[in-house]
C-alpha atoms as a PDB file:
ATOM      1  CA  UNK A   1      29.645  20.477  14.245  1.00  0.00           C
ATOM      2  CA  UNK A   2      26.465  21.243  12.521  1.00  0.00           C
ATOM      3  CA  UNK A   3      26.309  20.511   8.686  1.00  0.00           C
ATOM      4  CA  UNK A   4      26.097  23.241   6.377  1.00  0.00           C
ATOM      5  CA  UNK A   5      22.098  22.816   6.156  1.00  0.00           C
ATOM      6  CA  UNK A   6      22.164  23.433  10.151  1.00  0.00           C
ATOM      7  CA  UNK A   7      21.499  20.126  11.414  1.00  0.00           C
ATOM      8  CA  UNK A   8      23.344  17.372  13.170  1.00  0.00           C
ATOM      9  CA  UNK A   9      23.900  13.357  12.269  1.00  0.00           C
ATOM     10  CA  UNK A  10      23.863  10.579  13.635  1.00  0.00           C
ATOM     11  CA  UNK A  11      25.258   7.273  12.356  1.00  0.00           C
ATOM     12  CA  UNK A  12      23.640   4.078  13.970  1.00  0.00           C
ATOM     13  CA  UNK A  13      24.528   0.989  12.925  1.00  0.00           C
ATOM     14  CA  UNK A  14      22.952  -2.499  14.390  1.00  0.00           C
ATOM     15  CA  UNK A  15      23.978  -6.385  13.968  1.00  0.00           C
ATOM     16  CA  UNK A  16      20.542  -7.754  13.977  1.00  0.00           C
ATOM     17  CA  UNK A  17      19.790 -10.954  15.745  1.00  0.00           C
ATOM     18  CA  UNK A  18      20.098 -13.746  12.614  1.00  0.00           C
ATOM     19  CA  UNK A  19      16.995 -14.328  11.339  1.00  0.00           C
ATOM     20  CA  UNK A  20      14.945 -11.059  12.740  1.00  0.00           C
ATOM     21  CA  UNK A  21      16.063  -8.605   9.960  1.00  0.00           C
ATOM     22  CA  UNK A  22      12.647  -8.339   8.422  1.00  0.00           C
ATOM     23  CA  UNK A  23      11.086  -7.787  11.695  1.00  0.00           C
ATOM     24  CA  UNK A  24      13.038  -5.315  12.890  1.00  0.00           C
ATOM     25  CA  UNK A  25      12.667  -3.214   9.476  1.00  0.00           C
ATOM     26  CA  UNK A  26       9.095  -3.492   9.916  1.00  0.00           C
ATOM     27  CA  UNK A  27       9.046  -2.850  13.740  1.00  0.00           C
ATOM     28  CA  UNK A  28      11.369   0.300  12.691  1.00  0.00           C
ATOM     29  CA  UNK A  29       9.377   1.780  10.011  1.00  0.00           C
ATOM     30  CA  UNK A  30       6.142   1.189  11.913  1.00  0.00           C
ATOM     31  CA  UNK A  31       7.272   2.398  15.253  1.00  0.00           C
ATOM     32  CA  UNK A  32      10.766   4.140  15.685  1.00  0.00           C
ATOM     33  CA  UNK A  33      10.479   6.454  12.394  1.00  0.00           C
ATOM     34  CA  UNK A  34       6.744   8.085  13.162  1.00  0.00           C
ATOM     35  CA  UNK A  35       8.136   8.135  17.579  1.00  0.00           C
ATOM     36  CA  UNK A  36      11.593   9.927  16.325  1.00  0.00           C
ATOM     37  CA  UNK A  37       9.549  12.287  13.829  1.00  0.00           C
ATOM     38  CA  UNK A  38       7.170  13.586  16.234  1.00  0.00           C
ATOM     39  CA  UNK A  39      10.723  14.408  18.121  1.00  0.00           C
ATOM     40  CA  UNK A  40      12.194  16.547  15.543  1.00  0.00           C
ATOM     41  CA  UNK A  41      14.520  13.966  13.945  1.00  0.00           C
ATOM     42  CA  UNK A  42      14.983  13.356  10.540  1.00  0.00           C
ATOM     43  CA  UNK A  43      15.852  10.189   8.920  1.00  0.00           C
ATOM     44  CA  UNK A  44      18.371  11.028   6.612  1.00  0.00           C
ATOM     45  CA  UNK A  45      18.729   6.975   5.163  1.00  0.00           C
ATOM     46  CA  UNK A  46      18.280   3.853   6.135  1.00  0.00           C
ATOM     47  CA  UNK A  47      19.976   0.206   4.408  1.00  0.00           C
ATOM     48  CA  UNK A  48      19.955  -3.011   5.385  1.00  0.00           C
ATOM     49  CA  UNK A  49      22.545  -5.713   4.122  1.00  0.00           C
ATOM     50  CA  UNK A  50      20.718  -8.581   4.359  1.00  0.00           C
ATOM     51  CA  UNK A  51      24.187 -10.602   3.775  1.00  0.00           C
ATOM     52  CA  UNK A  52      25.627  -9.730   7.234  1.00  0.00           C
ATOM     53  CA  UNK A  53      22.160  -8.835   9.086  1.00  0.00           C
ATOM     54  CA  UNK A  54      23.142  -5.315   9.454  1.00  0.00           C
ATOM     55  CA  UNK A  55      20.434  -2.203   9.705  1.00  0.00           C
ATOM     56  CA  UNK A  56      22.959   0.869   8.911  1.00  0.00           C
ATOM     57  CA  UNK A  57      20.871   4.214   9.661  1.00  0.00           C
ATOM     58  CA  UNK A  58      20.737   7.897  10.490  1.00  0.00           C
ATOM     59  CA  UNK A  59      18.829  10.538  12.055  1.00  0.00           C
ATOM     60  CA  UNK A  60      19.566  14.403  12.245  1.00  0.00           C
ATOM     61  CA  UNK A  61      17.983  17.198  14.507  1.00  0.00           C
ATOM     62  CA  UNK A  62      18.336  21.075  13.310  1.00  0.00           C
ATOM     63  CA  UNK A  63      20.962  22.687  15.001  1.00  0.00           C
ATOM     64  CA  UNK A  64      24.586  21.379  16.774  1.00  0.00           C
ATOM     65  CA  UNK A  65      25.821  18.863  18.876  1.00  0.00           C
ATOM     66  CA  UNK A  66      24.020  20.218  22.220  1.00  0.00           C
ATOM     67  CA  UNK A  67      20.312  20.844  20.509  1.00  0.00           C
ATOM     68  CA  UNK A  68      20.955  17.385  19.291  1.00  0.00           C
ATOM     69  CA  UNK A  69      21.814  16.126  22.464  1.00  0.00           C
ATOM     70  CA  UNK A  70      18.557  18.051  23.949  1.00  0.00           C
ATOM     71  CA  UNK A  71      15.958  16.331  21.522  1.00  0.00           C
ATOM     72  CA  UNK A  72      17.577  12.889  22.018  1.00  0.00           C
ATOM     73  CA  UNK A  73      17.515  13.101  25.756  1.00  0.00           C
ATOM     74  CA  UNK A  74      13.156  14.297  25.097  1.00  0.00           C
ATOM     75  CA  UNK A  75      12.767  11.665  23.002  1.00  0.00           C
ATOM     76  CA  UNK A  76      14.530   8.813  25.264  1.00  0.00           C
ATOM     77  CA  UNK A  77      12.078   9.848  28.080  1.00  0.00           C
ATOM     78  CA  UNK A  78       9.172  10.321  25.823  1.00  0.00           C
ATOM     79  CA  UNK A  79       5.747   7.677  25.839  1.00  0.00           C
ATOM     80  CA  UNK A  80       6.300   7.481  22.719  1.00  0.00           C
ATOM     81  CA  UNK A  81       9.419   5.807  22.808  1.00  0.00           C
ATOM     82  CA  UNK A  82       8.655   3.655  25.563  1.00  0.00           C
ATOM     83  CA  UNK A  83       5.258   2.639  23.536  1.00  0.00           C
ATOM     84  CA  UNK A  84       7.537   2.086  20.075  1.00  0.00           C
ATOM     85  CA  UNK A  85       9.374  -0.721  22.167  1.00  0.00           C
ATOM     86  CA  UNK A  86       6.558  -1.892  24.890  1.00  0.00           C
ATOM     87  CA  UNK A  87       6.303  -5.887  23.804  1.00  0.00           C
ATOM     88  CA  UNK A  88       8.964  -5.955  21.195  1.00  0.00           C
ATOM     89  CA  UNK A  89      11.351  -8.185  21.733  1.00  0.00           C
ATOM     90  CA  UNK A  90      15.409  -6.977  21.171  1.00  0.00           C
ATOM     91  CA  UNK A  91      16.370  -7.704  17.648  1.00  0.00           C
ATOM     92  CA  UNK A  92      19.486  -5.250  17.963  1.00  0.00           C
ATOM     93  CA  UNK A  93      22.946  -7.775  18.904  1.00  0.00           C
ATOM     94  CA  UNK A  94      24.889  -4.891  18.634  1.00  0.00           C
ATOM     95  CA  UNK A  95      24.830  -1.121  18.043  1.00  0.00           C
ATOM     96  CA  UNK A  96      27.534   1.707  16.892  1.00  0.00           C
ATOM     97  CA  UNK A  97      26.166   5.198  17.637  1.00  0.00           C
ATOM     98  CA  UNK A  98      27.889   8.006  17.279  1.00  0.00           C
ATOM     99  CA  UNK A  99      27.409  11.806  15.929  1.00  0.00           C
ATOM    100  CA  UNK A 100      29.089  12.290  12.660  1.00  0.00           C
ATOM    101  CA  UNK A 101      30.602  15.233  10.127  1.00  0.00           C
ATOM    102  CA  UNK A 102      29.615  15.100   6.806  1.00  0.00           C
ATOM    103  CA  UNK A 103      32.389  15.652   4.497  1.00  0.00           C
ATOM    104  CA  UNK A 104      31.096  15.384   1.086  1.00  0.00           C
END
């Protein structure tokens, strides 16, 4: 189900490897946000929770869940995504990723 403004939102919650949160945030800002923006994603919000080594953010795409999945598949196979991850160590310990419905 798309939001009232016609967007579908994906919530992404990560536990970051201890001590890697600052480097993760720099990488996310410099590489991930631009790579996703090129493919039509909009960052809805992003929060770091340093006490728990957590990073929580959301992206959205215009349209319904099927539209989101189509954009996400193109992004996953893209050169921009490959370049964003090239040479970067794994800093995400665990991830929970799901589509979400706005209720307020």
